[in-house]
Amino acid sequence: MKRKWIALFAAAALALPLAAGCAGNGTGDMEAYRGRFEAAAVSRQLDSAEGITSGHILETEGDTLVSVDYPVVANAPDISAELKAFAENKLAEFRASADAAHGENKDGLCSLTMTYKPYVTEGNLLSIKFTTESELAGQAAAEEVDAFVYDPAAGKKLALSDVFDPSQDYLTQVAQAAQEYLRRNEVLLKNMDESLFTQGTAPEEANYANFVLAPDKVLFFFGDGTIAPSGAGSFEVGVPLARLAGILNAGNKEAVLGAEQAAAAGTAQETAPAGPAETDIYQIRQRDGFMTAKSIEGIDPMGDKVIALTFDDGPHETLTPKLLDILKENDAVATFFMLGQNAEKYPDIVKRVYDEGHEIGTHSWNHTKEWPNLSVGEKLDQYTRANDAIEAATGLRTLIDRPPGGAITKEEAASIGREQIIWSMDPKDWVTDYRDPDIIYSNVMNGGDGGGAKEVEGYLSDGGVILSHDIHETTVNAYDRIIKELKSRGYKFVTITQMMQIAEARGQDMGGFKFYSAPAADSAGQGEEE
């Protein structure tokens, strides 16, 4: 039962979070919300694995909206029945809570979305991660994660002690590794309560019972209020199996690692630690002390053509303000990926960017040419220093990054645990030969296949992300014309977190790391960039 990964392109933005929402009292708002909820549920695409099909419950009538997906495992009727029963019980609990909530707020629309993600190890163990997002009338949205691990061949569920060797003090080693990686999570650090963290990550089986096995790591899930104060949200952390190979249960080691890796276990070296696995849009929506996702009110995620303008390497003392004027005159928004050293130098410009409704991400501290050779810790330090400068200017930190040159692996991104935003189009405005407003305009509008390092990469598309640089006068001078032309072609401008919400609404899985693929070039976002 090998894992099949589905690669999908990013898409656009949503005013209300569809996955977990409750519409206002206006009839028009409620009906519009109902339509968006149904469209998202119908178009949602889940990760798949060989031998897994989906069961679905969809209810869009009345005052309670429901979208529940659950897996059906081929040749494993007992496992399938257990997973379906879990989903149905979760739904029954929600219905009871929704009925009570409607007793106090009869006009609200309450919603529940339940999805799943399968993981299959090299030895064909199956894990299922359920994510349940709900909102009851008048209450804040809530997210829960529930995980199960099975041996389909044996038809049984596995506990932590089935995966790890109970004759060893495996919980201590698991806890030490989880604590180490969790302390890299900026959201957790911002909300750190040492007493609660120590208690919630102590080497006790109950703290680590909610887990899945991926091919290269074990993921542990911690609910809201368990390792950080309530309201900080849920957390997950990945620990490489290579690090824990010595404490795996001998009876299941081959099923966890696969025959080849199991034979080599004990000599394997950890090459890229897997830290916080995801910083998803739900987390970005709610975190105190961090820039939250921009609202997508006024945008139809299913019907509008959307595009995200992104600008790297600033802020620039004169050019960034000029670009901000152009954006304001055209009623357009953008996302600025800033170098920490420039953000520190021009804090007033950083604040203006944020105050005028644009989005900010980090782009490292100084865009060092040595970036590809830096360790994960050194890259994280570059992001952190840049974030410090952004926070000093705005009072808030960002949860999105763009690696210099797009140079980062998925393993590194997993360890860093933050959104790594690449692009779908690079018009090469940074190339000396192209530093002419007319050429840049043509490159954006016409695109290219990106056959060489300095050739235009990617094409305009709905849900696209355009890379440019606000440190070049020729770029800034080109953008008034570019924006006007894009508007004439029917595009609406969105920020990156708006784009993430639209992808969610359209049912497109952007994954834990936002590697945007250019429509005409598989290598999009992995080439050079100034």
Protein backbone atom coordinates (compact mmCIF):
# COMPACT_ATOMS: atom_id res chain seq x y z
CA MET A 1 0.00 0.00 0.00
CA LYS A 2 2.29 2.72 -1.26
CA ARG A 3 1.50 6.40 -0.87
CA LYS A 4 0.38 8.34 -3.96
CA TRP A 5 0.98 12.06 -3.73
CA ILE A 6 -1.35 14.45 -5.52
CA ALA A 7 0.33 17.62 -6.80
CA LEU A 8 -2.03 20.57 -7.19
CA PHE A 9 -1.58 24.22 -8.02
CA ALA A 10 -2.30 27.00 -5.56
CA ALA A 11 -5.48 29.02 -5.91
CA ALA A 12 -7.23 32.13 -4.46
CA ALA A 13 -8.93 33.77 -1.36
CA LEU A 14 -11.88 33.56 0.95
CA ALA A 15 -13.63 36.10 3.14
CA LEU A 16 -14.87 33.64 5.72
CA PRO A 17 -12.92 30.50 6.65
CA LEU A 18 -14.89 27.78 4.91
CA ALA A 19 -13.46 24.90 6.84
CA ALA A 20 -14.85 26.16 10.10
CA GLY A 21 -17.32 28.97 10.06
CA CYS A 22 -20.65 30.35 11.15
CA ALA A 23 -22.34 32.91 8.97
CA GLY A 24 -23.84 36.10 10.25
CA ASN A 25 -27.51 36.80 10.68
CA GLY A 26 -28.19 38.31 7.25
CA THR A 27 -30.09 35.97 4.94
CA GLY A 28 -27.94 36.96 1.97
CA ASP A 29 -24.74 36.33 3.90
CA MET A 30 -26.01 32.96 5.08
CA GLU A 31 -26.99 31.80 1.62
CA ALA A 32 -23.72 32.99 0.11
CA TYR A 33 -21.83 31.18 2.85
CA ARG A 34 -23.90 28.04 2.26
CA GLY A 35 -23.02 28.13 -1.43
CA ARG A 36 -19.31 28.54 -0.75
CA PHE A 37 -19.34 25.76 1.82
CA GLU A 38 -21.01 23.34 -0.60
CA ALA A 39 -18.72 24.28 -3.48
CA ALA A 40 -15.64 23.75 -1.34
CA ALA A 41 -16.91 20.41 -0.05
CA VAL A 42 -17.72 19.11 -3.52
CA SER A 43 -14.40 20.18 -5.04
CA ARG A 44 -12.17 19.21 -2.12
CA GLN A 45 -9.39 16.82 -3.11
CA LEU A 46 -7.82 14.68 -0.42
CA ASP A 47 -4.44 13.00 -0.38
CA SER A 48 -4.77 9.43 -1.56
CA ALA A 49 -3.02 6.14 -0.98
CA GLU A 50 -3.27 2.84 -2.81
CA GLY A 51 -6.25 0.86 -1.60
CA ILE A 52 -7.95 3.86 0.04
CA THR A 53 -11.25 5.28 -1.17
CA SER A 54 -13.42 7.90 0.50
CA GLY A 55 -16.82 7.89 2.12
CA HIS A 56 -18.53 11.26 2.33
CA ILE A 57 -21.34 12.88 4.29
CA LEU A 58 -22.52 16.23 2.96
CA GLU A 59 -25.41 18.25 4.37
CA THR A 60 -26.05 21.81 3.23
CA GLU A 61 -29.71 22.29 4.13
CA GLY A 62 -30.98 23.81 7.34
CA ASP A 63 -28.91 25.71 9.87
CA THR A 64 -26.14 23.12 10.31
CA LEU A 65 -23.65 22.52 7.50
CA VAL A 66 -21.70 19.26 7.45
CA SER A 67 -18.89 17.94 5.27
CA VAL A 68 -17.31 14.74 6.55
CA ASP A 69 -14.78 12.60 4.69
CA TYR A 70 -13.60 9.25 6.03
CA PRO A 71 -11.37 6.54 4.52
CA VAL A 72 -12.49 3.14 3.31
CA VAL A 73 -9.63 0.63 3.34
CA ALA A 74 -9.68 -2.13 0.73
CA ASN A 75 -9.72 -5.69 2.12
CA ALA A 76 -9.92 -4.37 5.69
CA PRO A 77 -13.62 -4.21 6.59
CA ASP A 78 -13.04 -4.03 10.34
CA ILE A 79 -10.62 -1.11 10.03
CA SER A 80 -12.99 0.65 7.63
CA ALA A 81 -15.92 0.14 9.98
CA GLU A 82 -13.94 1.49 12.92
CA LEU A 83 -12.88 4.63 11.03
CA LYS A 84 -16.41 5.25 9.78
CA ALA A 85 -17.80 4.80 13.29
CA PHE A 86 -15.29 7.31 14.61
CA ALA A 87 -16.37 9.88 12.01
CA GLU A 88 -20.05 9.26 12.71
CA ASN A 89 -19.52 9.61 16.47
CA LYS A 90 -17.66 12.87 15.92
CA LEU A 91 -20.55 14.11 13.81
CA ALA A 92 -23.09 13.08 16.45
CA GLU A 93 -21.18 15.02 19.11
CA PHE A 94 -21.15 18.07 16.86
CA ARG A 95 -24.88 17.82 16.17
CA ALA A 96 -25.62 17.81 19.89
CA SER A 97 -23.41 20.84 20.44
CA ALA A 98 -24.91 22.63 17.42
CA ASP A 99 -28.45 22.03 18.69
CA ALA A 100 -27.50 23.57 22.02
CA ALA A 101 -25.82 26.52 20.33
CA HIS A 102 -28.85 27.16 18.13
CA GLY A 103 -30.96 27.32 21.27
CA GLU A 104 -29.12 30.53 22.08
CA ASN A 105 -28.59 31.80 18.52
CA LYS A 106 -31.38 30.64 16.24
CA ASP A 107 -30.19 32.62 13.21
CA GLY A 108 -26.61 31.38 12.91
CA LEU A 109 -25.26 28.82 10.48
CA CYS A 110 -22.96 26.34 12.20
CA SER A 111 -20.51 24.22 10.26
CA LEU A 112 -18.36 21.14 10.56
CA THR A 113 -15.66 20.01 8.16
CA MET A 114 -13.86 16.73 8.79
CA THR A 115 -11.08 15.57 6.48
CA TYR A 116 -8.42 12.91 6.66
CA LYS A 117 -4.88 12.35 5.47
CA PRO A 118 -3.38 8.87 5.01
CA TYR A 119 0.24 7.98 5.66
CA VAL A 120 1.81 4.69 4.59
CA THR A 121 5.18 3.46 5.86
CA GLU A 122 7.73 1.58 3.77
CA GLY A 123 6.50 -1.59 5.47
CA ASN A 124 2.84 -0.83 4.67
CA LEU A 125 1.56 0.30 8.05
CA LEU A 126 -1.35 2.69 7.55
CA SER A 127 -1.93 5.84 9.59
CA ILE A 128 -4.94 8.13 9.35
CA LYS A 129 -4.95 11.72 10.57
CA PHE A 130 -8.43 13.20 10.97
CA THR A 131 -8.71 16.99 11.14
CA THR A 132 -12.03 18.30 12.45
CA GLU A 133 -12.77 22.00 12.15
CA SER A 134 -16.00 23.39 13.53
CA GLU A 135 -17.72 26.51 14.69
CA LEU A 136 -20.82 26.78 16.81
CA ALA A 137 -23.04 29.85 16.68
CA GLY A 138 -21.46 32.64 18.68
CA GLN A 139 -18.34 30.68 19.54
CA ALA A 140 -14.79 30.71 18.22
CA ALA A 141 -13.72 28.18 15.62
CA ALA A 142 -12.12 25.01 16.95
CA GLU A 143 -9.75 22.47 15.44
CA GLU A 144 -9.08 18.94 16.63
CA VAL A 145 -6.71 16.28 15.34
CA ASP A 146 -7.26 12.56 15.95
CA ALA A 147 -4.81 9.96 14.69
CA PHE A 148 -4.85 6.19 14.28
CA VAL A 149 -2.19 3.67 13.23
CA TYR A 150 -3.06 0.26 11.77
CA ASP A 151 -1.41 -2.88 10.50
CA PRO A 152 -3.81 -3.73 7.65
CA ALA A 153 -2.25 -7.15 7.11
CA ALA A 154 -3.01 -8.11 10.71
CA GLY A 155 -6.22 -6.10 10.82
CA LYS A 156 -5.35 -4.39 14.10
CA LYS A 157 -4.72 -0.97 15.55
CA LEU A 158 -1.24 -0.20 16.90
CA ALA A 159 -0.48 1.65 20.11
CA LEU A 160 2.71 3.52 20.95
CA SER A 161 4.06 0.44 22.73
CA ASP A 162 3.57 -1.59 19.55
CA VAL A 163 5.77 0.81 17.62
CA PHE A 164 8.44 1.31 20.28
CA ASP A 165 10.20 -1.25 22.45
CA PRO A 166 8.43 -1.42 25.85
CA SER A 167 11.51 -3.08 27.36
CA GLN A 168 13.38 0.22 26.90
CA ASP A 169 12.69 3.65 28.33
CA TYR A 170 11.40 4.75 24.93
CA LEU A 171 9.12 7.47 26.29
CA THR A 172 12.06 9.44 27.65
CA GLN A 173 13.82 9.42 24.28
CA VAL A 174 10.62 10.27 22.40
CA ALA A 175 9.90 13.13 24.79
CA GLN A 176 13.42 14.54 24.55
CA ALA A 177 13.28 14.57 20.75
CA ALA A 178 9.78 16.05 20.61
CA GLN A 179 10.69 18.79 23.08
CA GLU A 180 13.79 19.68 21.09
CA TYR A 181 11.88 20.13 17.84
CA LEU A 182 8.88 21.82 19.43
CA ARG A 183 11.15 24.52 20.84
CA ARG A 184 11.89 25.56 17.25
CA ASN A 185 8.24 26.48 16.70
CA GLU A 186 7.88 30.27 16.78
CA VAL A 187 4.17 30.14 17.54
CA LEU A 188 4.79 27.91 20.53
CA LEU A 189 7.69 30.04 21.76
CA LYS A 190 5.52 33.15 21.55
CA ASN A 191 2.92 31.45 23.75
CA MET A 192 5.34 29.50 25.93
CA ASP A 193 4.22 28.47 29.39
CA GLU A 194 7.12 26.38 30.69
CA SER A 195 5.05 24.61 33.32
CA LEU A 196 2.33 23.62 30.87
CA PHE A 197 4.89 22.67 28.21
CA THR A 198 6.81 20.49 30.65
CA GLN A 199 3.64 18.78 31.81
CA GLY A 200 2.22 18.28 28.31
CA THR A 201 5.44 16.85 26.87
CA ALA A 202 6.48 14.76 29.87
CA PRO A 203 7.47 11.16 29.06
CA GLU A 204 3.99 9.77 29.63
CA GLU A 205 2.17 7.60 27.11
CA ALA A 206 -0.98 9.74 27.22
CA ASN A 207 1.00 12.74 25.96
CA TYR A 208 2.19 10.88 22.85
CA ALA A 209 -0.75 8.58 22.12
CA ASN A 210 -2.03 10.80 19.28
CA PHE A 211 0.45 10.03 16.49
CA VAL A 212 0.92 8.81 12.94
CA LEU A 213 3.78 7.06 11.19
CA ALA A 214 5.03 8.63 7.97
CA PRO A 215 7.69 7.00 5.77
CA ASP A 216 10.51 8.98 7.36
CA LYS A 217 9.18 10.27 10.67
CA VAL A 218 6.65 9.92 13.42
CA LEU A 219 4.27 12.85 13.90
CA PHE A 220 2.87 13.66 17.33
CA PHE A 221 -0.19 15.89 17.80
CA PHE A 222 -0.93 18.09 20.79
CA GLY A 223 -4.36 19.63 21.28
CA ASP A 224 -5.16 23.21 22.18
CA GLY A 225 -4.31 23.90 25.81
CA THR A 226 -2.12 20.81 26.28
CA ILE A 227 1.38 22.25 25.79
CA ALA A 228 0.55 25.97 25.53
CA PRO A 229 -2.25 28.09 26.99
CA SER A 230 -5.74 27.60 25.58
CA GLY A 231 -6.23 29.68 22.48
CA ALA A 232 -2.69 29.15 21.21
CA GLY A 233 -4.05 26.33 19.06
CA SER A 234 -2.98 22.78 18.37
CA PHE A 235 0.57 21.76 17.52
CA GLU A 236 2.27 18.90 15.75
CA VAL A 237 5.89 17.87 15.63
CA GLY A 238 7.81 15.37 13.55
CA VAL A 239 10.70 13.28 14.85
CA PRO A 240 12.84 11.44 12.27
CA LEU A 241 12.55 7.67 12.48
CA ALA A 242 16.30 7.53 11.95
CA ARG A 243 16.73 9.17 15.33
CA LEU A 244 14.39 6.70 17.03
CA ALA A 245 15.44 3.53 15.17
CA GLY A 246 17.23 2.15 18.21
CA ILE A 247 14.07 2.06 20.32
CA LEU A 248 11.66 0.64 17.73
CA ASN A 249 9.82 -2.54 18.64
CA ALA A 250 11.75 -5.38 17.01
CA GLY A 251 8.52 -7.13 16.07
CA ASN A 252 7.34 -4.18 13.98
CA LYS A 253 10.62 -2.55 12.93
CA GLU A 254 10.42 -3.87 9.38
CA ALA A 255 6.79 -2.78 9.08
CA VAL A 256 7.75 0.72 10.20
CA LEU A 257 10.97 1.19 8.23
CA GLY A 258 10.70 -1.33 5.41
CA ALA A 259 13.03 -4.29 5.01
CA GLU A 260 16.02 -2.39 3.65
CA GLN A 261 15.91 0.41 6.20
CA ALA A 262 15.24 -1.99 9.05
CA ALA A 263 18.37 -3.94 8.12
CA ALA A 264 20.38 -0.74 8.11
CA ALA A 265 18.83 0.63 11.31
CA GLY A 266 21.43 1.51 13.86
CA THR A 267 23.79 2.93 11.26
CA ALA A 268 21.39 5.48 9.79
CA GLN A 269 22.30 9.07 10.48
CA GLU A 270 19.85 11.91 10.81
CA THR A 271 20.51 14.32 7.94
CA ALA A 272 17.58 16.72 8.19
CA PRO A 273 15.60 16.88 11.42
CA ALA A 274 11.86 17.03 10.92
CA GLY A 275 10.48 19.71 13.19
CA PRO A 276 7.01 21.21 13.33
CA ALA A 277 5.38 19.64 10.31
CA GLU A 278 2.96 22.31 9.27
CA THR A 279 1.91 25.88 9.92
CA ASP A 280 -1.44 25.77 8.18
CA ILE A 281 -3.86 28.54 7.33
CA TYR A 282 -5.97 27.79 10.41
CA GLN A 283 -3.00 28.55 12.65
CA ILE A 284 -2.16 31.74 10.77
CA ARG A 285 -5.73 32.94 11.21
CA GLN A 286 -5.72 32.82 14.97
CA ARG A 287 -2.29 33.38 16.52
CA ASP A 288 -1.82 36.27 18.92
CA GLY A 289 1.39 38.21 18.36
CA PHE A 290 1.56 37.20 14.71
CA MET A 291 0.27 38.78 11.54
CA THR A 292 -3.03 37.09 10.75
CA ALA A 293 -4.37 36.03 7.39
CA LYS A 294 -5.99 38.81 5.41
CA SER A 295 -9.76 38.62 5.00
CA ILE A 296 -11.00 37.61 1.57
CA GLU A 297 -14.30 39.37 1.90
CA GLY A 298 -15.51 40.50 -1.50
CA ILE A 299 -13.69 37.74 -3.38
CA ASP A 300 -15.49 34.75 -4.85
CA PRO A 301 -12.94 31.94 -4.42
CA MET A 302 -14.67 29.72 -6.95
CA GLY A 303 -15.41 32.35 -9.59
CA ASP A 304 -12.80 35.11 -9.44
CA LYS A 305 -9.46 35.06 -11.23
CA VAL A 306 -6.81 35.87 -8.66
CA ILE A 307 -3.10 36.52 -8.67
CA ALA A 308 -0.55 37.37 -5.98
CA LEU A 309 2.13 40.00 -6.55
CA THR A 310 5.21 39.42 -4.40
CA PHE A 311 8.25 41.64 -4.01
CA ASP A 312 11.60 40.54 -2.58
CA ASP A 313 14.74 42.09 -1.08
CA GLY A 314 13.27 45.36 0.24
CA PRO A 315 12.34 47.58 1.72
CA HIS A 316 14.15 50.20 -0.36
CA GLU A 317 14.37 53.75 0.94
CA THR A 318 12.69 55.39 -2.08
CA LEU A 319 11.47 52.63 -4.39
CA THR A 320 9.29 50.75 -1.92
CA PRO A 321 7.32 53.92 -1.02
CA LYS A 322 6.92 54.62 -4.74
CA LEU A 323 5.61 51.10 -5.30
CA LEU A 324 3.22 51.49 -2.36
CA ASP A 325 1.84 54.63 -4.00
CA ILE A 326 1.29 52.69 -7.24
CA LEU A 327 -0.47 49.88 -5.40
CA LYS A 328 -2.70 52.34 -3.55
CA GLU A 329 -3.61 54.22 -6.73
CA ASN A 330 -4.62 50.94 -8.36
CA ASP A 331 -6.37 49.52 -5.29
CA ALA A 332 -4.08 46.49 -5.34
CA VAL A 333 -2.46 44.46 -2.57
CA ALA A 334 0.86 42.63 -2.54
CA THR A 335 3.13 40.57 -0.31
CA PHE A 336 6.61 41.87 0.54
CA PHE A 337 9.34 39.38 1.48
CA MET A 338 11.84 41.54 3.32
CA LEU A 339 15.51 41.21 4.17
CA GLY A 340 16.01 41.67 7.88
CA GLN A 341 18.89 44.10 7.45
CA ASN A 342 16.70 46.36 5.30
CA ALA A 343 13.70 46.06 7.60
CA GLU A 344 15.92 47.11 10.48
CA LYS A 345 17.21 50.07 8.47
CA TYR A 346 13.78 51.32 7.32
CA PRO A 347 11.25 50.44 10.05
CA ASP A 348 8.87 53.23 9.05
CA ILE A 349 8.54 51.76 5.57
CA VAL A 350 7.95 48.29 7.03
CA LYS A 351 5.16 49.71 9.17
CA ARG A 352 3.65 51.54 6.21
CA VAL A 353 3.58 48.31 4.18
CA TYR A 354 1.66 46.57 6.94
CA ASP A 355 -0.61 49.50 7.78
CA GLU A 356 -1.69 49.85 4.16
CA GLY A 357 -3.03 46.30 4.09
CA HIS A 358 -0.20 44.46 2.43
CA GLU A 359 1.41 41.30 3.73
CA ILE A 360 4.95 40.80 4.99
CA GLY A 361 7.18 37.74 5.02
CA THR A 362 10.84 37.18 5.75
CA HIS A 363 13.45 36.70 3.02
CA SER A 364 16.40 35.93 5.32
CA TRP A 365 18.57 38.46 7.11
CA ASN A 366 21.01 39.38 4.34
CA HIS A 367 20.38 37.12 1.30
CA THR A 368 23.78 35.50 1.80
CA LYS A 369 25.21 33.72 -1.23
CA GLU A 370 26.04 30.87 1.15
CA TRP A 371 22.35 30.21 1.81
CA PRO A 372 22.23 26.83 0.01
CA ASN A 373 25.12 25.61 2.17
CA LEU A 374 23.72 26.78 5.51
CA SER A 375 22.48 24.27 8.04
CA VAL A 376 18.81 24.19 9.01
CA GLY A 377 19.67 25.95 12.25
CA GLU A 378 21.55 28.69 10.42
CA LYS A 379 18.66 29.21 8.00
CA LEU A 380 16.22 29.39 10.89
CA ASP A 381 18.47 31.97 12.56
CA GLN A 382 18.40 34.07 9.37
CA TYR A 383 14.60 33.99 9.36
CA THR A 384 14.40 34.70 13.08
CA ARG A 385 16.67 37.75 12.88
CA ALA A 386 14.59 39.10 10.00
CA ASN A 387 11.42 38.46 11.98
CA ASP A 388 12.88 40.34 14.93
CA ALA A 389 13.32 43.41 12.71
CA ILE A 390 9.78 43.07 11.33
CA GLU A 391 8.37 42.75 14.84
CA ALA A 392 10.33 45.80 15.99
CA ALA A 393 8.69 47.82 13.21
CA THR A 394 5.12 46.47 13.35
CA GLY A 395 4.73 44.87 16.77
CA LEU A 396 3.93 41.54 15.10
CA ARG A 397 5.83 38.60 13.68
CA THR A 398 5.17 36.86 10.38
CA LEU A 399 4.69 33.15 9.79
CA ILE A 400 5.66 33.09 6.11
CA ASP A 401 9.12 33.01 4.56
CA ARG A 402 10.66 33.01 1.12
CA PRO A 403 14.08 31.36 0.96
CA PRO A 404 16.72 33.25 -1.05
CA GLY A 405 16.75 31.87 -4.57
CA GLY A 406 13.94 29.50 -3.64
CA ALA A 407 16.67 27.24 -2.28
CA ILE A 408 15.18 24.98 0.36
CA THR A 409 14.28 21.31 0.48
CA LYS A 410 11.04 19.93 1.81
CA GLU A 411 13.02 18.24 4.58
CA GLU A 412 14.50 21.58 5.62
CA ALA A 413 11.10 23.24 5.42
CA ALA A 414 9.65 20.51 7.62
CA SER A 415 12.29 21.18 10.23
CA ILE A 416 11.74 24.93 10.13
CA GLY A 417 7.99 24.40 10.40
CA ARG A 418 6.92 27.61 8.62
CA GLU A 419 5.36 28.34 5.24
CA GLN A 420 8.05 28.46 2.54
CA ILE A 421 6.57 30.52 -0.28
CA ILE A 422 8.07 30.10 -3.74
CA TRP A 423 6.46 31.36 -6.98
CA SER A 424 4.80 30.29 -10.21
CA MET A 425 6.31 33.07 -12.35
CA ASP A 426 9.73 34.72 -12.33
CA PRO A 427 9.90 37.48 -14.99
CA LYS A 428 13.64 37.81 -14.27
CA ASP A 429 13.38 41.51 -13.43
CA TRP A 430 16.60 41.03 -11.46
CA VAL A 431 18.62 40.06 -14.55
CA THR A 432 20.73 43.01 -15.73
CA ASP A 433 19.79 42.54 -19.38
CA TYR A 434 16.07 42.74 -18.50
CA ARG A 435 16.18 45.89 -16.39
CA ASP A 436 13.86 47.86 -18.63
CA PRO A 437 10.19 48.57 -17.77
CA ASP A 438 8.99 47.48 -21.21
CA ILE A 439 10.90 44.20 -21.06
CA ILE A 440 9.66 43.46 -17.55
CA TYR A 441 6.08 44.19 -18.62
CA SER A 442 6.44 41.87 -21.61
CA ASN A 443 8.03 39.14 -19.50
CA VAL A 444 5.15 39.21 -17.01
CA MET A 445 2.45 39.26 -19.67
CA ASN A 446 3.96 36.68 -22.01
CA GLY A 447 5.84 34.39 -19.63
CA GLY A 448 8.33 31.73 -20.62
CA ASP A 449 9.39 28.13 -20.20
CA GLY A 450 12.36 28.86 -17.95
CA GLY A 451 14.74 26.76 -19.98
CA GLY A 452 17.79 28.53 -18.56
CA ALA A 453 18.73 30.19 -15.30
CA LYS A 454 18.10 33.65 -16.73
CA GLU A 455 15.10 32.83 -18.93
CA VAL A 456 11.60 33.91 -17.96
CA GLU A 457 9.96 31.21 -15.89
CA GLY A 458 6.25 30.45 -15.76
CA TYR A 459 3.07 31.94 -17.19
CA LEU A 460 0.21 34.06 -15.92
CA SER A 461 -2.51 31.87 -14.43
CA ASP A 462 -5.41 32.01 -12.04
CA GLY A 463 -3.92 31.32 -8.63
CA GLY A 464 -0.44 32.33 -9.73
CA VAL A 465 2.30 33.97 -7.68
CA ILE A 466 4.55 36.50 -9.45
CA LEU A 467 8.07 37.12 -8.16
CA SER A 468 9.55 40.63 -8.52
CA HIS A 469 11.93 42.91 -6.63
CA ASP A 470 11.14 46.33 -5.19
CA ILE A 471 14.83 47.31 -5.08
CA HIS A 472 15.03 47.96 -8.84
CA GLU A 473 13.71 51.21 -10.29
CA THR A 474 12.90 49.51 -13.59
CA THR A 475 10.69 47.00 -11.79
CA VAL A 476 8.78 49.64 -9.86
CA ASN A 477 8.35 51.72 -13.01
CA ALA A 478 6.88 48.71 -14.83
CA TYR A 479 4.24 47.84 -12.27
CA ASP A 480 1.66 50.58 -12.82
CA ARG A 481 1.25 49.30 -16.38
CA ILE A 482 1.38 45.65 -15.30
CA ILE A 483 -1.31 46.09 -12.66
CA LYS A 484 -3.61 47.97 -15.02
CA GLU A 485 -3.23 45.28 -17.69
CA LEU A 486 -3.86 42.47 -15.21
CA LYS A 487 -7.00 44.26 -14.06
CA SER A 488 -8.16 44.59 -17.66
CA ARG A 489 -7.77 40.83 -18.01
CA GLY A 490 -10.07 40.28 -15.05
CA TYR A 491 -7.54 39.48 -12.32
CA LYS A 492 -8.05 40.39 -8.68
CA PHE A 493 -5.00 40.89 -6.48
CA VAL A 494 -4.58 38.89 -3.28
CA THR A 495 -1.92 38.35 -0.65
CA ILE A 496 -0.27 35.01 0.03
CA THR A 497 -2.46 34.10 3.01
CA GLN A 498 -5.52 35.04 0.99
CA MET A 499 -4.25 32.73 -1.74
CA MET A 500 -3.89 29.97 0.84
CA GLN A 501 -7.51 30.43 1.90
CA ILE A 502 -8.71 30.33 -1.69
CA ALA A 503 -6.81 27.10 -2.28
CA GLU A 504 -8.53 25.71 0.79
CA ALA A 505 -11.92 26.82 -0.52
CA ARG A 506 -11.26 25.36 -3.95
CA GLY A 507 -10.29 22.06 -2.40
CA GLN A 508 -6.72 22.30 -3.57
CA ASP A 509 -4.15 20.85 -1.18
CA MET A 510 -1.21 23.21 -1.00
CA GLY A 511 0.52 20.96 1.53
CA GLY A 512 2.61 22.04 4.49
CA PHE A 513 5.09 23.91 2.31
CA LYS A 514 3.89 26.24 -0.39
CA PHE A 515 6.05 25.31 -3.35
CA TYR A 516 4.22 26.95 -6.24
CA SER A 517 4.88 25.13 -9.51
CA ALA A 518 5.06 27.10 -12.73
CA PRO A 519 2.53 25.81 -15.29
CA ALA A 520 5.24 25.25 -17.91
CA ALA A 521 8.24 24.34 -15.81
CA ASP A 522 8.51 21.62 -13.19
CA SER A 523 11.53 23.37 -11.70
CA ALA A 524 9.63 26.57 -10.89
CA GLY A 525 10.84 28.18 -7.72
CA GLN A 526 14.00 26.15 -7.56
CA GLY A 527 16.21 28.26 -9.80
CA GLU A 528 18.26 31.38 -9.34
CA GLU A 529 16.95 34.62 -7.95
CA GLU A 530 18.82 37.73 -7.00
